[in-house]
PDB file of all heavy atoms in Angstrom:
ATOM      1  N   ALA A   1      10.426  -4.684   4.540  1.00  0.00           N
ATOM      2  CA  ALA A   1      10.806  -3.289   4.733  1.00  0.00           C
ATOM      3  C   ALA A   1       9.618  -2.588   5.390  1.00  0.00           C
ATOM      4  O   ALA A   1       8.544  -3.171   5.545  1.00  0.00           O
ATOM      5  CB  ALA A   1      11.175  -2.636   3.401  1.00  0.00           C
ATOM      6  N   SER A   2       9.819  -1.350   5.738  1.00  0.00           N
ATOM      7  CA  SER A   2       8.823  -0.566   6.472  1.00  0.00           C
ATOM      8  C   SER A   2       7.781   0.061   5.556  1.00  0.00           C
ATOM      9  O   SER A   2       8.126   0.772   4.604  1.00  0.00           O
ATOM     10  CB  SER A   2       9.542   0.540   7.244  1.00  0.00           C
ATOM     11  OG  SER A   2       8.639   1.522   7.665  1.00  0.00           O
ATOM     12  N   ILE A   3       6.525  -0.164   5.872  1.00  0.00           N
ATOM     13  CA  ILE A   3       5.443   0.463   5.107  1.00  0.00           C
ATOM     14  C   ILE A   3       5.442   1.977   5.337  1.00  0.00           C
ATOM     15  O   ILE A   3       5.096   2.743   4.443  1.00  0.00           O
ATOM     16  CB  ILE A   3       4.075  -0.179   5.431  1.00  0.00           C
ATOM     17  CG1 ILE A   3       3.029   0.218   4.380  1.00  0.00           C
ATOM     18  CG2 ILE A   3       3.620   0.169   6.838  1.00  0.00           C
ATOM     19  CD1 ILE A   3       1.762  -0.591   4.426  1.00  0.00           C
ATOM     20  N   GLU A   4       5.881   2.409   6.505  1.00  0.00           N
ATOM     21  CA  GLU A   4       5.926   3.843   6.814  1.00  0.00           C
ATOM     22  C   GLU A   4       6.935   4.594   5.935  1.00  0.00           C
ATOM     23  O   GLU A   4       6.847   5.810   5.803  1.00  0.00           O
ATOM     24  CB  GLU A   4       6.258   4.078   8.290  1.00  0.00           C
ATOM     25  CG  GLU A   4       5.149   3.697   9.240  1.00  0.00           C
ATOM     26  CD  GLU A   4       5.209   2.245   9.719  1.00  0.00           C
ATOM     27  OE1 GLU A   4       5.948   1.436   9.123  1.00  0.00           O
ATOM     28  OE2 GLU A   4       4.499   1.925  10.680  1.00  0.00           O
ATOM     29  N   SER A   5       7.878   3.886   5.338  1.00  0.00           N
ATOM     30  CA  SER A   5       8.888   4.538   4.501  1.00  0.00           C
ATOM     31  C   SER A   5       8.319   5.013   3.161  1.00  0.00           C
ATOM     32  O   SER A   5       8.951   5.810   2.466  1.00  0.00           O
ATOM     33  CB  SER A   5      10.064   3.587   4.250  1.00  0.00           C
ATOM     34  OG  SER A   5       9.650   2.494   3.441  1.00  0.00           O
ATOM     35  N   LEU A   6       7.129   4.557   2.795  1.00  0.00           N
ATOM     36  CA  LEU A   6       6.553   4.932   1.500  1.00  0.00           C
ATOM     37  C   LEU A   6       6.278   6.423   1.385  1.00  0.00           C
ATOM     38  O   LEU A   6       6.475   7.019   0.330  1.00  0.00           O
ATOM     39  CB  LEU A   6       5.260   4.155   1.237  1.00  0.00           C
ATOM     40  CG  LEU A   6       5.427   2.717   0.789  1.00  0.00           C
ATOM     41  CD1 LEU A   6       4.070   2.031   0.705  1.00  0.00           C
ATOM     42  CD2 LEU A   6       6.157   2.637  -0.531  1.00  0.00           C
ATOM     43  N   LYS A   7       5.810   7.035   2.461  1.00  0.00           N
ATOM     44  CA  LYS A   7       5.474   8.469   2.423  1.00  0.00           C
ATOM     45  C   LYS A   7       6.727   9.324   2.200  1.00  0.00           C
ATOM     46  O   LYS A   7       6.766  10.101   1.239  1.00  0.00           O
ATOM     47  CB  LYS A   7       4.731   8.878   3.705  1.00  0.00           C
ATOM     48  CG  LYS A   7       4.332  10.341   3.732  1.00  0.00           C
ATOM     49  CD  LYS A   7       3.211  10.650   2.779  1.00  0.00           C
ATOM     50  CE  LYS A   7       2.743  12.080   2.970  1.00  0.00           C
ATOM     51  NZ  LYS A   7       1.885  12.507   1.889  1.00  0.00           N
ATOM     52  N   PRO A   8       7.759   9.211   3.036  1.00  0.00           N
ATOM     53  CA  PRO A   8       8.934  10.051   2.805  1.00  0.00           C
ATOM     54  C   PRO A   8       9.705   9.680   1.530  1.00  0.00           C
ATOM     55  O   PRO A   8      10.295  10.552   0.893  1.00  0.00           O
ATOM     56  CB  PRO A   8       9.802   9.833   4.046  1.00  0.00           C
ATOM     57  CG  PRO A   8       9.306   8.593   4.673  1.00  0.00           C
ATOM     58  CD  PRO A   8       7.875   8.437   4.274  1.00  0.00           C
ATOM     59  N   PHE A   9       9.682   8.418   1.145  1.00  0.00           N
ATOM     60  CA  PHE A   9      10.450   7.982  -0.028  1.00  0.00           C
ATOM     61  C   PHE A   9       9.783   8.386  -1.342  1.00  0.00           C
ATOM     62  O   PHE A   9      10.435   8.898  -2.246  1.00  0.00           O
ATOM     63  CB  PHE A   9      10.656   6.462   0.012  1.00  0.00           C
ATOM     64  CG  PHE A   9      11.396   5.932  -1.180  1.00  0.00           C
ATOM     65  CD1 PHE A   9      12.731   6.219  -1.377  1.00  0.00           C
ATOM     66  CD2 PHE A   9      10.734   5.154  -2.123  1.00  0.00           C
ATOM     67  CE1 PHE A   9      13.410   5.747  -2.496  1.00  0.00           C
ATOM     68  CE2 PHE A   9      11.402   4.669  -3.237  1.00  0.00           C
ATOM     69  CZ  PHE A   9      12.745   4.968  -3.421  1.00  0.00           C
ATOM     70  N   ALA A  10       8.466   8.125  -1.452  1.00  0.00           N
ATOM     71  CA  ALA A  10       7.802   8.319  -2.742  1.00  0.00           C
ATOM     72  C   ALA A  10       6.494   9.103  -2.644  1.00  0.00           C
ATOM     73  O   ALA A  10       5.723   9.146  -3.601  1.00  0.00           O
ATOM     74  CB  ALA A  10       7.542   6.967  -3.384  1.00  0.00           C
ATOM     75  N   ASN A  11       6.238   9.717  -1.490  1.00  0.00           N
ATOM     76  CA  ASN A  11       5.028  10.489  -1.267  1.00  0.00           C
ATOM     77  C   ASN A  11       3.751   9.668  -1.505  1.00  0.00           C
ATOM     78  O   ASN A  11       2.795  10.144  -2.114  1.00  0.00           O
ATOM     79  CB  ASN A  11       5.025  11.764  -2.120  1.00  0.00           C
ATOM     80  CG  ASN A  11       4.025  12.773  -1.602  1.00  0.00           C
ATOM     81  OD1 ASN A  11       3.748  12.832  -0.403  1.00  0.00           O
ATOM     82  ND2 ASN A  11       3.463  13.563  -2.498  1.00  0.00           N
ATOM     83  N   VAL A  12       3.772   8.430  -1.036  1.00  0.00           N
ATOM     84  CA  VAL A  12       2.604   7.552  -1.136  1.00  0.00           C
ATOM     85  C   VAL A  12       1.803   7.687   0.153  1.00  0.00           C
ATOM     86  O   VAL A  12       2.350   7.526   1.246  1.00  0.00           O
ATOM     87  CB  VAL A  12       3.024   6.083  -1.353  1.00  0.00           C
ATOM     88  CG1 VAL A  12       1.832   5.150  -1.251  1.00  0.00           C
ATOM     89  CG2 VAL A  12       3.726   5.924  -2.696  1.00  0.00           C
ATOM     90  N   ASN A  13       0.518   7.959   0.007  1.00  0.00           N
ATOM     91  CA  ASN A  13      -0.373   8.077   1.158  1.00  0.00           C
ATOM     92  C   ASN A  13      -0.765   6.657   1.601  1.00  0.00           C
ATOM     93  O   ASN A  13      -1.620   6.019   0.982  1.00  0.00           O
ATOM     94  CB  ASN A  13      -1.610   8.893   0.803  1.00  0.00           C
ATOM     95  CG  ASN A  13      -2.502   9.142   1.986  1.00  0.00           C
ATOM     96  OD1 ASN A  13      -2.428   8.464   3.007  1.00  0.00           O
ATOM     97  ND2 ASN A  13      -3.368  10.130   1.860  1.00  0.00           N
ATOM     98  N   VAL A  14      -0.147   6.191   2.655  1.00  0.00           N
ATOM     99  CA  VAL A  14      -0.328   4.820   3.130  1.00  0.00           C
ATOM    100  C   VAL A  14      -1.784   4.542   3.507  1.00  0.00           C
ATOM    101  O   VAL A  14      -2.285   3.438   3.297  1.00  0.00           O
ATOM    102  CB  VAL A  14       0.621   4.534   4.323  1.00  0.00           C
ATOM    103  CG1 VAL A  14       0.389   3.160   4.908  1.00  0.00           C
ATOM    104  CG2 VAL A  14       2.075   4.685   3.888  1.00  0.00           C
ATOM    105  N   SER A  15      -2.475   5.539   4.011  1.00  0.00           N
ATOM    106  CA  SER A  15      -3.860   5.324   4.454  1.00  0.00           C
ATOM    107  C   SER A  15      -4.827   5.082   3.285  1.00  0.00           C
ATOM    108  O   SER A  15      -5.947   4.646   3.493  1.00  0.00           O
ATOM    109  CB  SER A  15      -4.347   6.495   5.301  1.00  0.00           C
ATOM    110  OG  SER A  15      -4.454   7.654   4.506  1.00  0.00           O
ATOM    111  N   LYS A  16      -4.380   5.350   2.057  1.00  0.00           N
ATOM    112  CA  LYS A  16      -5.263   5.180   0.892  1.00  0.00           C
ATOM    113  C   LYS A  16      -4.916   3.952   0.054  1.00  0.00           C
ATOM    114  O   LYS A  16      -5.496   3.749  -1.012  1.00  0.00           O
ATOM    115  CB  LYS A  16      -5.213   6.428   0.023  1.00  0.00           C
ATOM    116  CG  LYS A  16      -5.760   7.631   0.762  1.00  0.00           C
ATOM    117  CD  LYS A  16      -6.157   8.730  -0.151  1.00  0.00           C
ATOM    118  CE  LYS A  16      -6.702   9.842   0.729  1.00  0.00           C
ATOM    119  NZ  LYS A  16      -7.556  10.730   0.079  1.00  0.00           N
ATOM    120  N   ILE A  17      -4.004   3.133   0.528  1.00  0.00           N
ATOM    121  CA  ILE A  17      -3.633   1.926  -0.222  1.00  0.00           C
ATOM    122  C   ILE A  17      -4.769   0.909  -0.111  1.00  0.00           C
ATOM    123  O   ILE A  17      -5.226   0.619   0.995  1.00  0.00           O
ATOM    124  CB  ILE A  17      -2.309   1.331   0.313  1.00  0.00           C
ATOM    125  CG1 ILE A  17      -1.168   2.339   0.149  1.00  0.00           C
ATOM    126  CG2 ILE A  17      -1.975   0.031  -0.423  1.00  0.00           C
ATOM    127  CD1 ILE A  17       0.118   1.934   0.842  1.00  0.00           C
ATOM    128  N   PRO A  18      -5.219   0.379  -1.232  1.00  0.00           N
ATOM    129  CA  PRO A  18      -6.339  -0.571  -1.204  1.00  0.00           C
ATOM    130  C   PRO A  18      -6.016  -1.870  -0.462  1.00  0.00           C
ATOM    131  O   PRO A  18      -4.914  -2.408  -0.584  1.00  0.00           O
ATOM    132  CB  PRO A  18      -6.605  -0.871  -2.678  1.00  0.00           C
ATOM    133  CG  PRO A  18      -5.948   0.214  -3.436  1.00  0.00           C
ATOM    134  CD  PRO A  18      -4.805   0.685  -2.592  1.00  0.00           C
ATOM    135  N   LEU A  19      -7.019  -2.333   0.283  1.00  0.00           N
ATOM    136  CA  LEU A  19      -6.936  -3.610   0.985  1.00  0.00           C
ATOM    137  C   LEU A  19      -7.513  -4.685   0.068  1.00  0.00           C
ATOM    138  O   LEU A  19      -8.606  -4.528  -0.470  1.00  0.00           O
ATOM    139  CB  LEU A  19      -7.730  -3.560   2.292  1.00  0.00           C
ATOM    140  CG  LEU A  19      -7.810  -4.855   3.090  1.00  0.00           C
ATOM    141  CD1 LEU A  19      -6.440  -5.251   3.632  1.00  0.00           C
ATOM    142  CD2 LEU A  19      -8.808  -4.711   4.228  1.00  0.00           C
ATOM    143  N   ILE A  20      -6.773  -5.760  -0.089  1.00  0.00           N
ATOM    144  CA  ILE A  20      -7.210  -6.901  -0.894  1.00  0.00           C
ATOM    145  C   ILE A  20      -7.545  -8.036   0.073  1.00  0.00           C
ATOM    146  O   ILE A  20      -6.823  -8.262   1.046  1.00  0.00           O
ATOM    147  CB  ILE A  20      -6.086  -7.370  -1.855  1.00  0.00           C
ATOM    148  CG1 ILE A  20      -5.519  -6.217  -2.679  1.00  0.00           C
ATOM    149  CG2 ILE A  20      -6.547  -8.538  -2.716  1.00  0.00           C
ATOM    150  CD1 ILE A  20      -6.427  -5.624  -3.702  1.00  0.00           C
ATOM    151  N   ASN A  21      -8.621  -8.741  -0.211  1.00  0.00           N
ATOM    152  CA  ASN A  21      -8.959  -9.944   0.550  1.00  0.00           C
ATOM    153  C   ASN A  21      -9.061 -11.066  -0.468  1.00  0.00           C
ATOM    154  O   ASN A  21     -10.031 -11.151  -1.212  1.00  0.00           O
ATOM    155  CB  ASN A  21     -10.272  -9.766   1.309  1.00  0.00           C
ATOM    156  CG  ASN A  21     -10.541 -10.922   2.250  1.00  0.00           C
ATOM    157  OD1 ASN A  21     -10.150 -12.069   1.999  1.00  0.00           O
ATOM    158  ND2 ASN A  21     -11.224 -10.644   3.337  1.00  0.00           N
ATOM    159  N   GLU A  22      -8.030 -11.896  -0.516  1.00  0.00           N
ATOM    160  CA  GLU A  22      -7.953 -12.979  -1.491  1.00  0.00           C
ATOM    161  C   GLU A  22      -8.058 -14.309  -0.763  1.00  0.00           C
ATOM    162  O   GLU A  22      -7.134 -14.709  -0.055  1.00  0.00           O
ATOM    163  CB  GLU A  22      -6.638 -12.882  -2.277  1.00  0.00           C
ATOM    164  CG  GLU A  22      -6.551 -13.822  -3.451  1.00  0.00           C
ATOM    165  CD  GLU A  22      -5.357 -13.520  -4.345  1.00  0.00           C
ATOM    166  OE1 GLU A  22      -4.920 -12.355  -4.425  1.00  0.00           O
ATOM    167  OE2 GLU A  22      -4.873 -14.467  -4.963  1.00  0.00           O
ATOM    168  N   ASN A  23      -9.196 -14.946  -0.909  1.00  0.00           N
ATOM    169  CA  ASN A  23      -9.447 -16.238  -0.242  1.00  0.00           C
ATOM    170  C   ASN A  23      -9.201 -16.152   1.264  1.00  0.00           C
ATOM    171  O   ASN A  23      -8.607 -17.066   1.855  1.00  0.00           O
ATOM    172  CB  ASN A  23      -8.587 -17.345  -0.870  1.00  0.00           C
ATOM    173  CG  ASN A  23      -8.890 -17.522  -2.342  1.00  0.00           C
ATOM    174  OD1 ASN A  23     -10.041 -17.463  -2.748  1.00  0.00           O
ATOM    175  ND2 ASN A  23      -7.859 -17.726  -3.135  1.00  0.00           N
ATOM    176  N   GLY A  24      -9.614 -15.051   1.875  1.00  0.00           N
ATOM    177  CA  GLY A  24      -9.468 -14.884   3.316  1.00  0.00           C
ATOM    178  C   GLY A  24      -8.130 -14.338   3.766  1.00  0.00           C
ATOM    179  O   GLY A  24      -7.924 -14.108   4.958  1.00  0.00           O
ATOM    180  N   VAL A  25      -7.202 -14.124   2.841  1.00  0.00           N
ATOM    181  CA  VAL A  25      -5.897 -13.543   3.169  1.00  0.00           C
ATOM    182  C   VAL A  25      -5.958 -12.056   2.869  1.00  0.00           C
ATOM    183  O   VAL A  25      -6.291 -11.648   1.754  1.00  0.00           O
ATOM    184  CB  VAL A  25      -4.754 -14.197   2.351  1.00  0.00           C
ATOM    185  CG1 VAL A  25      -3.424 -13.558   2.695  1.00  0.00           C
ATOM    186  CG2 VAL A  25      -4.721 -15.705   2.576  1.00  0.00           C
ATOM    187  N   LYS A  26      -5.638 -11.245   3.881  1.00  0.00           N
ATOM    188  CA  LYS A  26      -5.687  -9.795   3.718  1.00  0.00           C
ATOM    189  C   LYS A  26      -4.287  -9.243   3.483  1.00  0.00           C
ATOM    190  O   LYS A  26      -3.346  -9.600   4.192  1.00  0.00           O
ATOM    191  CB  LYS A  26      -6.285  -9.142   4.963  1.00  0.00           C
ATOM    192  CG  LYS A  26      -7.734  -9.489   5.179  1.00  0.00           C
ATOM    193  CD  LYS A  26      -8.243  -8.844   6.445  1.00  0.00           C
ATOM    194  CE  LYS A  26      -9.673  -9.303   6.726  1.00  0.00           C
ATOM    195  NZ  LYS A  26     -10.139  -8.844   8.022  1.00  0.00           N
ATOM    196  N   TYR A  27      -4.201  -8.361   2.474  1.00  0.00           N
ATOM    197  CA  TYR A  27      -2.949  -7.663   2.203  1.00  0.00           C
ATOM    198  C   TYR A  27      -3.254  -6.383   1.437  1.00  0.00           C
ATOM    199  O   TYR A  27      -4.345  -6.209   0.889  1.00  0.00           O
ATOM    200  CB  TYR A  27      -1.955  -8.546   1.441  1.00  0.00           C
ATOM    201  CG  TYR A  27      -2.396  -8.974   0.057  1.00  0.00           C
ATOM    202  CD1 TYR A  27      -1.996  -8.271  -1.069  1.00  0.00           C
ATOM    203  CD2 TYR A  27      -3.199 -10.097  -0.121  1.00  0.00           C
ATOM    204  CE1 TYR A  27      -2.392  -8.665  -2.331  1.00  0.00           C
ATOM    205  CE2 TYR A  27      -3.591 -10.504  -1.382  1.00  0.00           C
ATOM    206  CZ  TYR A  27      -3.184  -9.778  -2.491  1.00  0.00           C
ATOM    207  OH  TYR A  27      -3.585 -10.177  -3.742  1.00  0.00           O
ATOM    208  N   PHE A  28      -2.292  -5.490   1.438  1.00  0.00           N
ATOM    209  CA  PHE A  28      -2.416  -4.241   0.704  1.00  0.00           C
ATOM    210  C   PHE A  28      -1.684  -4.368  -0.630  1.00  0.00           C
ATOM    211  O   PHE A  28      -0.715  -5.116  -0.745  1.00  0.00           O
ATOM    212  CB  PHE A  28      -1.808  -3.074   1.496  1.00  0.00           C
ATOM    213  CG  PHE A  28      -2.549  -2.751   2.762  1.00  0.00           C
ATOM    214  CD1 PHE A  28      -2.007  -3.066   3.996  1.00  0.00           C
ATOM    215  CD2 PHE A  28      -3.782  -2.117   2.722  1.00  0.00           C
ATOM    216  CE1 PHE A  28      -2.680  -2.762   5.178  1.00  0.00           C
ATOM    217  CE2 PHE A  28      -4.467  -1.809   3.894  1.00  0.00           C
ATOM    218  CZ  PHE A  28      -3.908  -2.133   5.117  1.00  0.00           C
ATOM    219  N   LEU A  29      -2.172  -3.613  -1.617  1.00  0.00           N
ATOM    220  CA  LEU A  29      -1.539  -3.596  -2.937  1.00  0.00           C
ATOM    221  C   LEU A  29      -1.644  -2.176  -3.492  1.00  0.00           C
ATOM    222  O   LEU A  29      -2.742  -1.622  -3.590  1.00  0.00           O
ATOM    223  CB  LEU A  29      -2.228  -4.590  -3.869  1.00  0.00           C
ATOM    224  CG  LEU A  29      -1.595  -4.770  -5.245  1.00  0.00           C
ATOM    225  CD1 LEU A  29      -0.204  -5.386  -5.124  1.00  0.00           C
ATOM    226  CD2 LEU A  29      -2.485  -5.645  -6.122  1.00  0.00           C
ATOM    227  N   LEU A  30      -0.499  -1.602  -3.845  1.00  0.00           N
ATOM    228  CA  LEU A  30      -0.478  -0.244  -4.385  1.00  0.00           C
ATOM    229  C   LEU A  30      -1.268  -0.145  -5.683  1.00  0.00           C
ATOM    230  O   LEU A  30      -1.309  -1.090  -6.476  1.00  0.00           O
ATOM    231  CB  LEU A  30       0.968   0.184  -4.679  1.00  0.00           C
ATOM    232  CG  LEU A  30       1.927   0.337  -3.509  1.00  0.00           C
ATOM    233  CD1 LEU A  30       3.310   0.704  -4.020  1.00  0.00           C
ATOM    234  CD2 LEU A  30       1.434   1.355  -2.513  1.00  0.00           C
ATOM    235  N   GLU A  31      -1.855   1.020  -5.904  1.00  0.00           N
ATOM    236  CA  GLU A  31      -2.464   1.343  -7.196  1.00  0.00           C
ATOM    237  C   GLU A  31      -1.330   1.688  -8.163  1.00  0.00           C
ATOM    238  O   GLU A  31      -0.207   2.004  -7.745  1.00  0.00           O
ATOM    239  CB  GLU A  31      -3.399   2.557  -7.058  1.00  0.00           C
ATOM    240  CG  GLU A  31      -4.593   2.324  -6.171  1.00  0.00           C
ATOM    241  CD  GLU A  31      -5.698   1.497  -6.829  1.00  0.00           C
ATOM    242  OE1 GLU A  31      -5.498   0.972  -7.940  1.00  0.00           O
ATOM    243  OE2 GLU A  31      -6.771   1.388  -6.201  1.00  0.00           O
ATOM    244  N   LEU A  32      -1.622   1.661  -9.459  1.00  0.00           N
ATOM    245  CA  LEU A  32      -0.594   1.955 -10.460  1.00  0.00           C
ATOM    246  C   LEU A  32       0.020   3.341 -10.280  1.00  0.00           C
ATOM    247  O   LEU A  32       1.224   3.514 -10.452  1.00  0.00           O
ATOM    248  CB  LEU A  32      -1.164   1.812 -11.873  1.00  0.00           C
ATOM    249  CG  LEU A  32      -1.373   0.384 -12.337  1.00  0.00           C
ATOM    250  CD1 LEU A  32      -2.030   0.357 -13.715  1.00  0.00           C
ATOM    251  CD2 LEU A  32      -0.067  -0.396 -12.352  1.00  0.00           C
ATOM    252  N   GLU A  33      -0.800   4.330  -9.909  1.00  0.00           N
ATOM    253  CA  GLU A  33      -0.277   5.681  -9.700  1.00  0.00           C
ATOM    254  C   GLU A  33       0.797   5.695  -8.610  1.00  0.00           C
ATOM    255  O   GLU A  33       1.797   6.409  -8.721  1.00  0.00           O
ATOM    256  CB  GLU A  33      -1.406   6.659  -9.326  1.00  0.00           C
ATOM    257  CG  GLU A  33      -2.387   6.927 -10.446  1.00  0.00           C
ATOM    258  CD  GLU A  33      -3.498   5.866 -10.549  1.00  0.00           C
ATOM    259  OE1 GLU A  33      -3.490   4.871  -9.780  1.00  0.00           O
ATOM    260  OE2 GLU A  33      -4.363   6.031 -11.429  1.00  0.00           O
ATOM    261  N   ASP A  34       0.572   4.894  -7.558  1.00  0.00           N
ATOM    262  CA  ASP A  34       1.564   4.830  -6.480  1.00  0.00           C
ATOM    263  C   ASP A  34       2.802   4.046  -6.910  1.00  0.00           C
ATOM    264  O   ASP A  34       3.925   4.384  -6.525  1.00  0.00           O
ATOM    265  CB  ASP A  34       0.948   4.235  -5.217  1.00  0.00           C
ATOM    266  CG  ASP A  34      -0.008   5.215  -4.542  1.00  0.00           C
ATOM    267  OD1 ASP A  34       0.195   6.434  -4.678  1.00  0.00           O
ATOM    268  OD2 ASP A  34      -0.959   4.749  -3.885  1.00  0.00           O
ATOM    269  N   TYR A  35       2.608   2.996  -7.712  1.00  0.00           N
ATOM    270  CA  TYR A  35       3.777   2.291  -8.253  1.00  0.00           C
ATOM    271  C   TYR A  35       4.615   3.232  -9.111  1.00  0.00           C
ATOM    272  O   TYR A  35       5.847   3.173  -9.086  1.00  0.00           O
ATOM    273  CB  TYR A  35       3.371   1.051  -9.064  1.00  0.00           C
ATOM    274  CG  TYR A  35       3.369  -0.194  -8.226  1.00  0.00           C
ATOM    275  CD1 TYR A  35       2.192  -0.849  -7.916  1.00  0.00           C
ATOM    276  CD2 TYR A  35       4.561  -0.717  -7.724  1.00  0.00           C
ATOM    277  CE1 TYR A  35       2.194  -1.983  -7.129  1.00  0.00           C
ATOM    278  CE2 TYR A  35       4.569  -1.848  -6.932  1.00  0.00           C
ATOM    279  CZ  TYR A  35       3.386  -2.480  -6.642  1.00  0.00           C
ATOM    280  OH  TYR A  35       3.405  -3.599  -5.856  1.00  0.00           O
TER     281      TYR A  35
END
């Protein structure tokens, strides 16, 4: 699904989502407040 949909759907600030680097794999993971 679209990451851009988070702002209008749940008022999540996409630019503040933490970046995770797990064994060289990069991905974003919401904080509990955003969940």
